[in-house]
C-alpha atoms as a PDB file:
ATOM      1  CA  MET A   1      43.622  86.592 147.281  1.00  0.00           C
ATOM      2  CA  ALA A   2      45.283  83.910 149.422  1.00  0.00           C
ATOM      3  CA  GLN A   3      45.820  81.784 146.315  1.00  0.00           C
ATOM      4  CA  ALA A   4      47.292  84.739 144.472  1.00  0.00           C
ATOM      5  CA  ARG A   5      49.771  85.329 147.291  1.00  0.00           C
ATOM      6  CA  ARG A   6      50.801  81.677 147.129  1.00  0.00           C
ATOM      7  CA  TRP A   7      51.129  81.276 143.346  1.00  0.00           C
ATOM      8  CA  LYS A   8      52.065  84.812 142.208  1.00  0.00           C
ATOM      9  CA  PRO A   9      50.071  84.748 138.938  1.00  0.00           C
ATOM     10  CA  GLU A  10      50.743  87.091 136.041  1.00  0.00           C
ATOM     11  CA  SER A  11      47.118  88.219 136.036  1.00  0.00           C
ATOM     12  CA  LEU A  12      43.937  88.171 138.111  1.00  0.00           C
ATOM     13  CA  ALA A  13      40.330  88.477 136.943  1.00  0.00           C
ATOM     14  CA  LEU A  14      37.268  88.987 139.112  1.00  0.00           C
ATOM     15  CA  LEU A  15      33.788  89.763 137.834  1.00  0.00           C
ATOM     16  CA  LYS A  16      32.390  91.504 140.912  1.00  0.00           C
ATOM     17  CA  PRO A  17      34.977  92.495 143.517  1.00  0.00           C
ATOM     18  CA  SER A  18      33.247  93.745 146.658  1.00  0.00           C
ATOM     19  CA  ASP A  19      35.794  96.559 146.857  1.00  0.00           C
ATOM     20  CA  GLU A  20      37.562  97.081 143.527  1.00  0.00           C
ATOM     21  CA  ALA A  21      40.111  99.591 144.818  1.00  0.00           C
ATOM     22  CA  LYS A  22      41.099  97.267 147.670  1.00  0.00           C
ATOM     23  CA  PHE A  23      41.249  94.303 145.296  1.00  0.00           C
ATOM     24  CA  ARG A  24      43.541  96.137 142.872  1.00  0.00           C
ATOM     25  CA  SER A  25      45.747  97.420 145.672  1.00  0.00           C
ATOM     26  CA  ALA A  26      46.194  93.928 147.130  1.00  0.00           C
ATOM     27  CA  ALA A  27      46.938  92.495 143.683  1.00  0.00           C
ATOM     28  CA  TYR A  28      49.571  95.117 142.938  1.00  0.00           C
ATOM     29  CA  GLU A  29      51.205  94.454 146.300  1.00  0.00           C
ATOM     30  CA  ILE A  30      51.619  90.813 145.345  1.00  0.00           C
ATOM     31  CA  GLY A  31      53.151  91.821 142.024  1.00  0.00           C
ATOM     32  CA  VAL A  32      50.272  90.931 139.684  1.00  0.00           C
ATOM     33  CA  ALA A  33      50.994  92.580 136.341  1.00  0.00           C
ATOM     34  CA  LYS A  34      47.480  92.654 134.863  1.00  0.00           C
ATOM     35  CA  ILE A  35      44.153  92.979 136.655  1.00  0.00           C
ATOM     36  CA  PHE A  36      40.764  92.548 135.036  1.00  0.00           C
ATOM     37  CA  THR A  37      37.429  93.370 136.635  1.00  0.00           C
ATOM     38  CA  GLY A  38      33.860  93.703 135.453  1.00  0.00           C
ATOM     39  CA  PRO A  39      31.429  91.444 133.563  1.00  0.00           C
ATOM     40  CA  ASP A  40      33.908  90.827 130.722  1.00  0.00           C
ATOM     41  CA  ALA A  41      36.943  90.297 132.972  1.00  0.00           C
ATOM     42  CA  PHE A  42      37.422  86.607 132.176  1.00  0.00           C
ATOM     43  CA  THR A  43      36.982  87.156 128.439  1.00  0.00           C
ATOM     44  CA  ARG A  44      39.511  90.008 128.300  1.00  0.00           C
ATOM     45  CA  GLN A  45      41.956  87.941 130.324  1.00  0.00           C
ATOM     46  CA  ALA A  46      41.607  85.052 127.853  1.00  0.00           C
ATOM     47  CA  GLU A  47      41.947  87.388 124.879  1.00  0.00           C
ATOM     48  CA  GLU A  48      44.898  89.513 125.988  1.00  0.00           C
ATOM     49  CA  LEU A  49      47.269  87.032 127.657  1.00  0.00           C
ATOM     50  CA  GLU A  50      49.514  84.390 126.122  1.00  0.00           C
ATOM     51  CA  TYR A  51      49.188  80.845 127.492  1.00  0.00           C
ATOM     52  CA  ASP A  52      49.502  77.219 126.427  1.00  0.00           C
ATOM     53  CA  LEU A  53      46.217  75.910 127.830  1.00  0.00           C
ATOM     54  CA  LEU A  54      43.068  77.514 129.203  1.00  0.00           C
ATOM     55  CA  LEU A  55      41.601  75.645 132.170  1.00  0.00           C
ATOM     56  CA  ASN A  56      38.041  76.902 132.473  1.00  0.00           C
ATOM     57  CA  ALA A  57      36.386  76.085 135.803  1.00  0.00           C
ATOM     58  CA  VAL A  58      34.211  79.203 135.925  1.00  0.00           C
ATOM     59  CA  MET A  59      30.654  78.559 137.109  1.00  0.00           C
ATOM     60  CA  GLY A  60      27.731  79.316 134.828  1.00  0.00           C
ATOM     61  CA  SER A  61      27.425  81.145 131.522  1.00  0.00           C
ATOM     62  CA  ALA A  62      30.319  83.457 132.490  1.00  0.00           C
ATOM     63  CA  GLY A  63      32.569  80.684 131.172  1.00  0.00           C
ATOM     64  CA  VAL A  64      31.191  80.705 127.611  1.00  0.00           C
ATOM     65  CA  LEU A  65      32.939  83.722 126.055  1.00  0.00           C
ATOM     66  CA  PRO A  66      36.404  83.028 127.561  1.00  0.00           C
ATOM     67  CA  THR A  67      36.253  79.578 125.951  1.00  0.00           C
ATOM     68  CA  PHE A  68      35.649  81.125 122.545  1.00  0.00           C
ATOM     69  CA  ALA A  69      38.454  83.613 123.148  1.00  0.00           C
ATOM     70  CA  ALA A  70      40.956  80.815 123.758  1.00  0.00           C
ATOM     71  CA  LEU A  71      39.772  78.660 120.857  1.00  0.00           C
ATOM     72  CA  ARG A  72      40.044  81.573 118.428  1.00  0.00           C
ATOM     73  CA  LYS A  73      43.699  81.794 119.442  1.00  0.00           C
ATOM     74  CA  SER A  74      44.047  78.056 118.607  1.00  0.00           C
ATOM     75  CA  VAL A  75      44.607  77.288 122.291  1.00  0.00           C
ATOM     76  CA  ASN A  76      43.318  74.030 123.766  1.00  0.00           C
ATOM     77  CA  VAL A  77      40.707  74.337 126.510  1.00  0.00           C
ATOM     78  CA  ALA A  78      40.532  72.042 129.530  1.00  0.00           C
ATOM     79  CA  LEU A  79      36.858  72.479 130.273  1.00  0.00           C
ATOM     80  CA  SER A  80      35.108  72.077 133.610  1.00  0.00           C
ATOM     81  CA  ASN A  81      32.396  74.616 132.823  1.00  0.00           C
ATOM     82  CA  LYS A  82      29.298  72.624 131.854  1.00  0.00           C
ATOM     83  CA  GLU A  83      27.336  75.610 130.623  1.00  0.00           C
ATOM     84  CA  THR A  84      29.749  76.317 127.753  1.00  0.00           C
ATOM     85  CA  LEU A  85      28.898  73.079 125.971  1.00  0.00           C
ATOM     86  CA  VAL A  86      25.276  73.029 127.094  1.00  0.00           C
ATOM     87  CA  ALA A  87      24.397  76.539 125.938  1.00  0.00           C
ATOM     88  CA  ALA A  88      26.666  76.837 122.925  1.00  0.00           C
ATOM     89  CA  GLY A  89      28.049  73.360 122.304  1.00  0.00           C
ATOM     90  CA  GLU A  90      27.688  73.194 118.523  1.00  0.00           C
ATOM     91  CA  LEU A  91      29.231  76.635 118.103  1.00  0.00           C
ATOM     92  CA  VAL A  92      32.077  75.788 120.503  1.00  0.00           C
ATOM     93  CA  MET A  93      32.951  72.528 118.765  1.00  0.00           C
ATOM     94  CA  ALA A  94      32.824  74.223 115.356  1.00  0.00           C
ATOM     95  CA  CYS A  95      35.121  76.978 116.621  1.00  0.00           C
ATOM     96  CA  ALA A  96      37.561  74.390 117.969  1.00  0.00           C
ATOM     97  CA  ARG A  97      37.633  72.580 114.609  1.00  0.00           C
ATOM     98  CA  ASP A  98      38.025  75.798 112.632  1.00  0.00           C
ATOM     99  CA  HIS A  99      41.019  76.886 114.717  1.00  0.00           C
ATOM    100  CA  GLY A 100      42.695  73.500 115.192  1.00  0.00           C
ATOM    101  CA  ALA A 101      42.101  73.476 118.951  1.00  0.00           C
ATOM    102  CA  THR A 102      40.881  70.711 121.247  1.00  0.00           C
ATOM    103  CA  ILE A 103      38.316  70.641 124.039  1.00  0.00           C
ATOM    104  CA  LEU A 104      39.628  68.450 126.873  1.00  0.00           C
ATOM    105  CA  PRO A 105      36.840  67.575 129.329  1.00  0.00           C
ATOM    106  CA  ILE A 106      37.630  67.773 133.029  1.00  0.00           C
ATOM    107  CA  ASP A 107      34.319  66.473 134.384  1.00  0.00           C
ATOM    108  CA  SER A 108      35.074  62.962 135.625  1.00  0.00           C
ATOM    109  CA  GLU A 109      32.317  61.457 133.461  1.00  0.00           C
ATOM    110  CA  HIS A 110      33.377  63.068 130.196  1.00  0.00           C
ATOM    111  CA  SER A 111      37.046  62.563 130.909  1.00  0.00           C
ATOM    112  CA  ALA A 112      36.261  58.872 131.370  1.00  0.00           C
ATOM    113  CA  LEU A 113      34.417  58.739 128.045  1.00  0.00           C
ATOM    114  CA  TYR A 114      37.197  60.684 126.335  1.00  0.00           C
ATOM    115  CA  GLN A 115      39.788  58.214 127.605  1.00  0.00           C
ATOM    116  CA  CYS A 116      37.696  55.192 126.626  1.00  0.00           C
ATOM    117  CA  LEU A 117      37.253  56.542 123.094  1.00  0.00           C
ATOM    118  CA  GLN A 118      40.948  57.021 122.378  1.00  0.00           C
ATOM    119  CA  GLY A 119      41.746  54.950 119.276  1.00  0.00           C
ATOM    120  CA  GLU A 120      38.065  54.133 118.692  1.00  0.00           C
ATOM    121  CA  ARG A 121      35.643  55.199 115.965  1.00  0.00           C
ATOM    122  CA  ILE A 122      32.561  57.053 117.124  1.00  0.00           C
ATOM    123  CA  SER A 123      30.583  55.131 114.494  1.00  0.00           C
ATOM    124  CA  ASP A 124      31.332  51.958 116.481  1.00  0.00           C
ATOM    125  CA  VAL A 125      29.619  53.317 119.607  1.00  0.00           C
ATOM    126  CA  ARG A 126      26.212  51.942 120.580  1.00  0.00           C
ATOM    127  CA  LYS A 127      25.814  53.896 123.818  1.00  0.00           C
ATOM    128  CA  LEU A 128      27.668  56.330 126.033  1.00  0.00           C
ATOM    129  CA  TRP A 129      26.846  55.509 129.659  1.00  0.00           C
ATOM    130  CA  LEU A 130      27.156  58.361 132.136  1.00  0.00           C
ATOM    131  CA  THR A 131      27.332  57.164 135.725  1.00  0.00           C
ATOM    132  CA  THR A 132      25.854  58.899 138.748  1.00  0.00           C
ATOM    133  CA  SER A 133      26.007  58.322 142.490  1.00  0.00           C
ATOM    134  CA  GLY A 134      22.335  59.255 142.688  1.00  0.00           C
ATOM    135  CA  GLY A 135      22.927  62.149 145.063  1.00  0.00           C
ATOM    136  CA  PRO A 136      21.476  62.445 148.583  1.00  0.00           C
ATOM    137  CA  PHE A 137      17.863  61.782 147.550  1.00  0.00           C
ATOM    138  CA  TRP A 138      18.311  58.628 145.499  1.00  0.00           C
ATOM    139  CA  ASN A 139      15.011  57.036 144.407  1.00  0.00           C
ATOM    140  CA  ARG A 140      12.825  59.349 146.485  1.00  0.00           C
ATOM    141  CA  LYS A 141       9.636  60.533 144.824  1.00  0.00           C
ATOM    142  CA  PRO A 142       9.502  64.257 143.972  1.00  0.00           C
ATOM    143  CA  ASP A 143       6.468  64.850 146.199  1.00  0.00           C
ATOM    144  CA  THR A 144       8.506  63.808 149.260  1.00  0.00           C
ATOM    145  CA  LEU A 145      11.168  66.433 148.627  1.00  0.00           C
ATOM    146  CA  GLN A 146       9.308  69.718 148.724  1.00  0.00           C
ATOM    147  CA  PHE A 147      10.295  70.494 152.306  1.00  0.00           C
ATOM    148  CA  VAL A 148      13.987  69.480 152.180  1.00  0.00           C
ATOM    149  CA  SER A 149      16.372  72.190 153.327  1.00  0.00           C
ATOM    150  CA  PRO A 150      19.427  73.532 151.510  1.00  0.00           C
ATOM    151  CA  ASN A 151      21.630  71.826 154.125  1.00  0.00           C
ATOM    152  CA  GLU A 152      20.049  68.454 153.344  1.00  0.00           C
ATOM    153  CA  ALA A 153      20.443  68.975 149.609  1.00  0.00           C
ATOM    154  CA  LEU A 154      24.083  70.003 150.087  1.00  0.00           C
ATOM    155  CA  SER A 155      24.969  66.694 151.769  1.00  0.00           C
ATOM    156  CA  HIS A 156      26.384  64.795 148.800  1.00  0.00           C
ATOM    157  CA  PRO A 157      27.299  61.173 149.577  1.00  0.00           C
ATOM    158  CA  THR A 158      30.512  61.074 147.509  1.00  0.00           C
ATOM    159  CA  TRP A 159      31.887  64.379 146.236  1.00  0.00           C
ATOM    160  CA  THR A 160      32.747  67.652 147.933  1.00  0.00           C
ATOM    161  CA  MET A 161      31.786  70.411 145.512  1.00  0.00           C
ATOM    162  CA  GLY A 162      30.534  73.972 145.383  1.00  0.00           C
ATOM    163  CA  PRO A 163      26.921  74.738 146.390  1.00  0.00           C
ATOM    164  CA  LYS A 164      25.506  75.119 142.880  1.00  0.00           C
ATOM    165  CA  ILE A 165      26.795  71.850 141.454  1.00  0.00           C
ATOM    166  CA  THR A 166      25.949  70.020 144.689  1.00  0.00           C
ATOM    167  CA  ILE A 167      22.313  71.101 144.389  1.00  0.00           C
ATOM    168  CA  ASP A 168      22.401  70.106 140.707  1.00  0.00           C
ATOM    169  CA  SER A 169      23.608  66.693 141.838  1.00  0.00           C
ATOM    170  CA  ALA A 170      20.732  66.424 144.300  1.00  0.00           C
ATOM    171  CA  THR A 171      18.191  67.138 141.539  1.00  0.00           C
ATOM    172  CA  LEU A 172      20.227  65.127 138.995  1.00  0.00           C
ATOM    173  CA  PHE A 173      20.119  68.232 136.808  1.00  0.00           C
ATOM    174  CA  ASN A 174      23.897  67.958 136.570  1.00  0.00           C
ATOM    175  CA  LYS A 175      23.446  64.624 134.827  1.00  0.00           C
ATOM    176  CA  GLY A 176      21.067  66.270 132.371  1.00  0.00           C
ATOM    177  CA  LEU A 177      23.722  68.866 131.591  1.00  0.00           C
ATOM    178  CA  GLU A 178      26.260  66.074 131.161  1.00  0.00           C
ATOM    179  CA  VAL A 179      23.987  64.273 128.701  1.00  0.00           C
ATOM    180  CA  ILE A 180      23.866  67.404 126.543  1.00  0.00           C
ATOM    181  CA  GLU A 181      27.628  67.888 126.938  1.00  0.00           C
ATOM    182  CA  ALA A 182      28.283  64.317 125.812  1.00  0.00           C
ATOM    183  CA  CYS A 183      26.173  64.829 122.686  1.00  0.00           C
ATOM    184  CA  ARG A 184      28.201  67.927 121.803  1.00  0.00           C
ATOM    185  CA  LEU A 185      31.655  66.636 122.732  1.00  0.00           C
ATOM    186  CA  PHE A 186      31.388  63.318 120.943  1.00  0.00           C
ATOM    187  CA  ASP A 187      28.937  64.300 118.185  1.00  0.00           C
ATOM    188  CA  VAL A 188      26.293  61.698 118.992  1.00  0.00           C
ATOM    189  CA  SER A 189      22.505  61.890 119.128  1.00  0.00           C
ATOM    190  CA  ILE A 190      20.580  62.033 122.390  1.00  0.00           C
ATOM    191  CA  GLU A 191      19.406  58.459 121.762  1.00  0.00           C
ATOM    192  CA  LYS A 192      22.978  57.246 122.219  1.00  0.00           C
ATOM    193  CA  VAL A 193      23.416  58.618 125.742  1.00  0.00           C
ATOM    194  CA  GLU A 194      22.127  56.905 128.882  1.00  0.00           C
ATOM    195  CA  VAL A 195      22.443  57.476 132.626  1.00  0.00           C
ATOM    196  CA  VAL A 196      23.006  54.675 135.141  1.00  0.00           C
ATOM    197  CA  ARG A 197      23.625  54.726 138.861  1.00  0.00           C
ATOM    198  CA  GLN A 198      26.972  53.317 139.967  1.00  0.00           C
ATOM    199  CA  ARG A 199      26.724  53.205 143.740  1.00  0.00           C
ATOM    200  CA  GLU A 200      30.412  53.112 144.595  1.00  0.00           C
ATOM    201  CA  SER A 201      31.380  55.986 142.222  1.00  0.00           C
ATOM    202  CA  VAL A 202      34.347  53.901 141.051  1.00  0.00           C
ATOM    203  CA  ILE A 203      33.305  53.594 137.397  1.00  0.00           C
ATOM    204  CA  HIS A 204      33.230  57.154 136.117  1.00  0.00           C
ATOM    205  CA  SER A 205      31.553  56.347 132.793  1.00  0.00           C
ATOM    206  CA  MET A 206      31.446  53.621 130.141  1.00  0.00           C
ATOM    207  CA  VAL A 207      31.297  53.187 126.386  1.00  0.00           C
ATOM    208  CA  GLU A 208      29.205  50.383 124.920  1.00  0.00           C
ATOM    209  CA  PHE A 209      30.263  49.355 121.416  1.00  0.00           C
ATOM    210  CA  ILE A 210      28.177  47.901 118.599  1.00  0.00           C
ATOM    211  CA  ASP A 211      29.676  44.425 119.122  1.00  0.00           C
ATOM    212  CA  GLY A 212      28.365  44.368 122.698  1.00  0.00           C
ATOM    213  CA  SER A 213      31.665  45.032 124.467  1.00  0.00           C
ATOM    214  CA  PHE A 214      32.203  47.783 127.045  1.00  0.00           C
ATOM    215  CA  LYS A 215      35.133  49.980 128.019  1.00  0.00           C
ATOM    216  CA  ALA A 216      35.082  51.779 131.363  1.00  0.00           C
ATOM    217  CA  GLN A 217      37.413  54.084 133.248  1.00  0.00           C
ATOM    218  CA  LEU A 218      37.762  53.187 136.938  1.00  0.00           C
ATOM    219  CA  SER A 219      39.496  54.770 139.888  1.00  0.00           C
ATOM    220  CA  THR A 220      39.030  55.993 143.410  1.00  0.00           C
ATOM    221  CA  PRO A 221      36.714  59.026 143.093  1.00  0.00           C
ATOM    222  CA  ASP A 222      39.159  61.940 143.053  1.00  0.00           C
ATOM    223  CA  MET A 223      38.884  64.944 140.737  1.00  0.00           C
ATOM    224  CA  ARG A 224      42.654  65.334 140.648  1.00  0.00           C
ATOM    225  CA  LEU A 225      42.860  62.475 138.143  1.00  0.00           C
ATOM    226  CA  PRO A 226      40.773  64.001 135.322  1.00  0.00           C
ATOM    227  CA  ILE A 227      42.446  67.355 135.969  1.00  0.00           C
ATOM    228  CA  LEU A 228      45.887  65.758 135.659  1.00  0.00           C
ATOM    229  CA  TYR A 229      44.845  63.951 132.484  1.00  0.00           C
ATOM    230  CA  SER A 230      43.672  67.165 130.830  1.00  0.00           C
ATOM    231  CA  LEU A 231      46.776  69.106 131.881  1.00  0.00           C
ATOM    232  CA  SER A 232      49.183  66.467 130.593  1.00  0.00           C
ATOM    233  CA  HIS A 233      47.294  65.415 127.438  1.00  0.00           C
ATOM    234  CA  PRO A 234      48.282  63.782 125.080  1.00  0.00           C
ATOM    235  CA  VAL A 235      50.714  62.012 127.435  1.00  0.00           C
ATOM    236  CA  ARG A 236      50.184  60.629 130.918  1.00  0.00           C
ATOM    237  CA  ILE A 237      52.348  61.857 133.776  1.00  0.00           C
ATOM    238  CA  ALA A 238      53.513  59.295 136.314  1.00  0.00           C
ATOM    239  CA  SER A 239      51.848  60.188 139.600  1.00  0.00           C
ATOM    240  CA  ASN A 240      50.969  58.768 142.997  1.00  0.00           C
ATOM    241  CA  ILE A 241      48.373  61.435 143.705  1.00  0.00           C
ATOM    242  CA  VAL A 242      45.566  58.876 143.597  1.00  0.00           C
ATOM    243  CA  SER A 243      45.913  55.197 144.473  1.00  0.00           C
ATOM    244  CA  THR A 244      43.282  52.548 143.706  1.00  0.00           C
ATOM    245  CA  ALA A 245      43.753  49.017 145.024  1.00  0.00           C
ATOM    246  CA  PRO A 246      41.561  46.629 142.951  1.00  0.00           C
ATOM    247  CA  ASN A 247      41.374  44.123 145.804  1.00  0.00           C
ATOM    248  CA  ARG A 248      39.679  46.773 147.928  1.00  0.00           C
ATOM    249  CA  ILE A 249      36.872  47.233 145.405  1.00  0.00           C
ATOM    250  CA  GLU A 250      34.642  44.564 146.904  1.00  0.00           C
ATOM    251  CA  ALA A 251      31.775  44.920 144.430  1.00  0.00           C
ATOM    252  CA  LEU A 252      30.340  47.192 141.757  1.00  0.00           C
ATOM    253  CA  HIS A 253      26.611  47.833 141.754  1.00  0.00           C
ATOM    254  CA  PHE A 254      24.471  49.398 139.045  1.00  0.00           C
ATOM    255  CA  ASP A 255      20.893  50.663 139.313  1.00  0.00           C
ATOM    256  CA  GLU A 256      18.517  51.921 136.666  1.00  0.00           C
ATOM    257  CA  VAL A 257      17.695  55.619 136.929  1.00  0.00           C
ATOM    258  CA  ASP A 258      13.933  56.233 136.930  1.00  0.00           C
ATOM    259  CA  ILE A 259      13.703  59.502 135.059  1.00  0.00           C
ATOM    260  CA  GLU A 260      10.202  60.113 136.461  1.00  0.00           C
ATOM    261  CA  CYS A 261      11.765  60.522 139.927  1.00  0.00           C
ATOM    262  CA  TYR A 262      14.048  63.292 138.635  1.00  0.00           C
ATOM    263  CA  PRO A 263      12.063  65.981 136.806  1.00  0.00           C
ATOM    264  CA  CYS A 264      15.196  68.114 136.297  1.00  0.00           C
ATOM    265  CA  LEU A 265      16.860  65.247 134.447  1.00  0.00           C
ATOM    266  CA  LYS A 266      13.712  64.629 132.438  1.00  0.00           C
ATOM    267  CA  VAL A 267      13.396  68.244 131.322  1.00  0.00           C
ATOM    268  CA  ALA A 268      17.087  68.262 130.344  1.00  0.00           C
ATOM    269  CA  PHE A 269      16.503  65.329 128.008  1.00  0.00           C
ATOM    270  CA  HIS A 270      13.579  67.233 126.492  1.00  0.00           C
ATOM    271  CA  ALA A 271      15.757  70.324 125.992  1.00  0.00           C
ATOM    272  CA  ALA A 272      18.453  68.218 124.348  1.00  0.00           C
ATOM    273  CA  SER A 273      15.888  66.803 121.929  1.00  0.00           C
ATOM    274  CA  ALA A 274      14.465  70.259 121.177  1.00  0.00           C
ATOM    275  CA  GLY A 275      17.930  71.671 120.425  1.00  0.00           C
ATOM    276  CA  GLY A 276      18.482  75.254 119.334  1.00  0.00           C
ATOM    277  CA  THR A 277      18.434  77.685 122.231  1.00  0.00           C
ATOM    278  CA  ALA A 278      16.559  75.263 124.525  1.00  0.00           C
ATOM    279  CA  PRO A 279      19.716  74.098 126.361  1.00  0.00           C
ATOM    280  CA  ALA A 280      20.790  77.726 126.938  1.00  0.00           C
ATOM    281  CA  ILE A 281      17.355  78.551 128.376  1.00  0.00           C
ATOM    282  CA  LEU A 282      17.517  75.413 130.512  1.00  0.00           C
ATOM    283  CA  SER A 283      20.972  76.136 131.923  1.00  0.00           C
ATOM    284  CA  ALA A 284      20.259  79.777 132.761  1.00  0.00           C
ATOM    285  CA  ALA A 285      16.925  78.925 134.380  1.00  0.00           C
ATOM    286  CA  ASP A 286      18.597  76.403 136.647  1.00  0.00           C
ATOM    287  CA  GLU A 287      21.260  78.879 137.764  1.00  0.00           C
ATOM    288  CA  VAL A 288      18.652  81.382 138.917  1.00  0.00           C
ATOM    289  CA  ALA A 289      16.411  78.697 140.431  1.00  0.00           C
ATOM    290  CA  VAL A 290      19.248  77.120 142.423  1.00  0.00           C
ATOM    291  CA  GLU A 291      20.379  80.513 143.729  1.00  0.00           C
ATOM    292  CA  SER A 292      16.797  81.171 144.812  1.00  0.00           C
ATOM    293  CA  PHE A 293      16.535  77.804 146.587  1.00  0.00           C
ATOM    294  CA  LEU A 294      19.807  78.368 148.440  1.00  0.00           C
ATOM    295  CA  ALA A 295      18.533  81.806 149.477  1.00  0.00           C
ATOM    296  CA  GLY A 296      15.380  80.234 150.929  1.00  0.00           C
ATOM    297  CA  GLN A 297      13.067  81.883 148.384  1.00  0.00           C
ATOM    298  CA  ILE A 298      11.641  78.724 146.799  1.00  0.00           C
ATOM    299  CA  ARG A 299      11.199  75.086 147.682  1.00  0.00           C
ATOM    300  CA  PHE A 300      13.513  72.376 146.358  1.00  0.00           C
ATOM    301  CA  THR A 301      10.836  70.997 144.035  1.00  0.00           C
ATOM    302  CA  ALA A 302      10.251  74.451 142.527  1.00  0.00           C
ATOM    303  CA  ILE A 303      13.647  74.264 140.802  1.00  0.00           C
ATOM    304  CA  ALA A 304      12.281  71.822 138.229  1.00  0.00           C
ATOM    305  CA  GLU A 305       9.029  73.771 137.922  1.00  0.00           C
ATOM    306  CA  LEU A 306      10.854  77.007 137.102  1.00  0.00           C
ATOM    307  CA  ILE A 307      13.118  75.334 134.538  1.00  0.00           C
ATOM    308  CA  GLU A 308      10.164  73.714 132.806  1.00  0.00           C
ATOM    309  CA  GLU A 309       8.160  76.935 132.796  1.00  0.00           C
ATOM    310  CA  SER A 310      11.052  78.844 131.228  1.00  0.00           C
ATOM    311  CA  LEU A 311      11.270  76.301 128.411  1.00  0.00           C
ATOM    312  CA  ASN A 312       7.506  76.385 127.871  1.00  0.00           C
ATOM    313  CA  THR A 313       7.362  80.180 127.892  1.00  0.00           C
ATOM    314  CA  LEU A 314      10.356  81.340 125.883  1.00  0.00           C
ATOM    315  CA  GLU A 315      10.640  80.887 122.131  1.00  0.00           C
ATOM    316  CA  ILE A 316      13.195  78.273 121.091  1.00  0.00           C
ATOM    317  CA  THR A 317      15.143  79.383 118.026  1.00  0.00           C
ATOM    318  CA  PRO A 318      18.168  78.029 116.108  1.00  0.00           C
ATOM    319  CA  ALA A 319      21.386  78.633 118.085  1.00  0.00           C
ATOM    320  CA  ASP A 320      23.217  79.965 115.055  1.00  0.00           C
ATOM    321  CA  SER A 321      25.374  82.584 116.764  1.00  0.00           C
ATOM    322  CA  ILE A 322      26.853  83.263 120.169  1.00  0.00           C
ATOM    323  CA  GLU A 323      24.786  86.450 120.353  1.00  0.00           C
ATOM    324  CA  VAL A 324      21.568  84.448 119.957  1.00  0.00           C
ATOM    325  CA  VAL A 325      22.691  81.998 122.647  1.00  0.00           C
ATOM    326  CA  MET A 326      23.606  84.717 125.143  1.00  0.00           C
ATOM    327  CA  GLU A 327      20.332  86.547 124.505  1.00  0.00           C
ATOM    328  CA  ALA A 328      18.393  83.331 125.223  1.00  0.00           C
ATOM    329  CA  ASP A 329      20.430  83.008 128.426  1.00  0.00           C
ATOM    330  CA  ARG A 330      19.581  86.595 129.408  1.00  0.00           C
ATOM    331  CA  LYS A 331      15.855  86.228 128.717  1.00  0.00           C
ATOM    332  CA  SER A 332      15.703  83.010 130.726  1.00  0.00           C
ATOM    333  CA  ARG A 333      17.349  84.662 133.735  1.00  0.00           C
ATOM    334  CA  VAL A 334      14.956  87.598 133.615  1.00  0.00           C
ATOM    335  CA  LEU A 335      11.919  85.345 133.293  1.00  0.00           C
ATOM    336  CA  VAL A 336      12.887  83.022 136.137  1.00  0.00           C
ATOM    337  CA  GLY A 337      13.764  85.992 138.343  1.00  0.00           C
ATOM    338  CA  GLU A 338      10.244  87.312 137.809  1.00  0.00           C
ATOM    339  CA  LEU A 339       8.723  83.891 138.433  1.00  0.00           C
ATOM    340  CA  VAL A 340      10.627  83.554 141.716  1.00  0.00           C
ATOM    341  CA  LYS A 341       9.007  86.775 142.925  1.00  0.00           C
ATOM    342  CA  GLU A 342       5.609  85.303 142.090  1.00  0.00           C
ATOM    343  CA  TYR A 343       6.483  82.051 143.848  1.00  0.00           C
ATOM    344  CA  THR A 344       7.527  83.805 147.048  1.00  0.00           C
ATOM    345  CA  GLY A 345       4.578  83.682 149.410  1.00  0.00           C
ATOM    346  CA  SER A 346       2.586  81.427 147.094  1.00  0.00           C
ATOM    347  CA  THR A 347       1.291  77.927 147.814  1.00  0.00           C
ATOM    348  CA  ILE A 348       4.654  76.587 146.708  1.00  0.00           C
ATOM    349  CA  LEU A 349       6.214  78.017 149.865  1.00  0.00           C
ATOM    350  CA  ASN A 350       3.264  77.809 152.243  1.00  0.00           C
END
């Protein structure tokens, strides 16, 4: 509500207000004209209001339907919600094409790729290279991580982010989501996407072309840059928000990512190859597993186990409608919730 008091928005949407009457009263006091609450609050807000650009930074599958709502109105979407493209990427990109709208990625990695591909043909791309800092547990074997605490996993070496994405960075699951996103955004096969560690987090991603040349986007790590790019697209706004002095970049180091050390990344590649509803199952399973880890219900290493079990248990079908995708999401959440109960008190915790 503090942000609402500062910016005086036309509308507010909240899925689960702790006290709806108090929330509405406070919003009306500020002068908010429209208030949306409930599980479809974001979607109704996107459907009913008029706007030039939808910036979607909602966490989880709650961001999927508002994206469709904006695209159907032929409104461009600046997208920071990974799950939209992971769970329903092909449908989202088709909807954008059908309605003459554009998806503008806000994630630093995809924004970097998007910028590097301006004026280029996708057929000339050999590889899309997504960079990673490696997170707090770089190159540690999975069997050494079972007793790490949420506080340890939340200590990211470079970025300050919300709890869910920080844990995803620790497992490198976020990079798996980004691999799937890249396939959807740029219409390339999984074989054309690779992950590499860039220790300094200065190169945000790179494009390798068929002639052997590379293009990379570099800057001081600061999320305000990709946000500014998406808000001002197709032009660049002169800004001193972020300053990068090349002479202060002493060196750039790259390290190969051993996928065997990151089971969450490995299972994401498998889901991308399987296609259909597999990415939706994957994404939903991770959300529930991460929540359970943060709540102290499961060990860190159980996150990957739960994701893999959900993919092995649930039927993977063609993702030919948003209803099918959301049902796969729902089934995955239910299954992992049940599995967490089984895990509690089991050998995984003891």
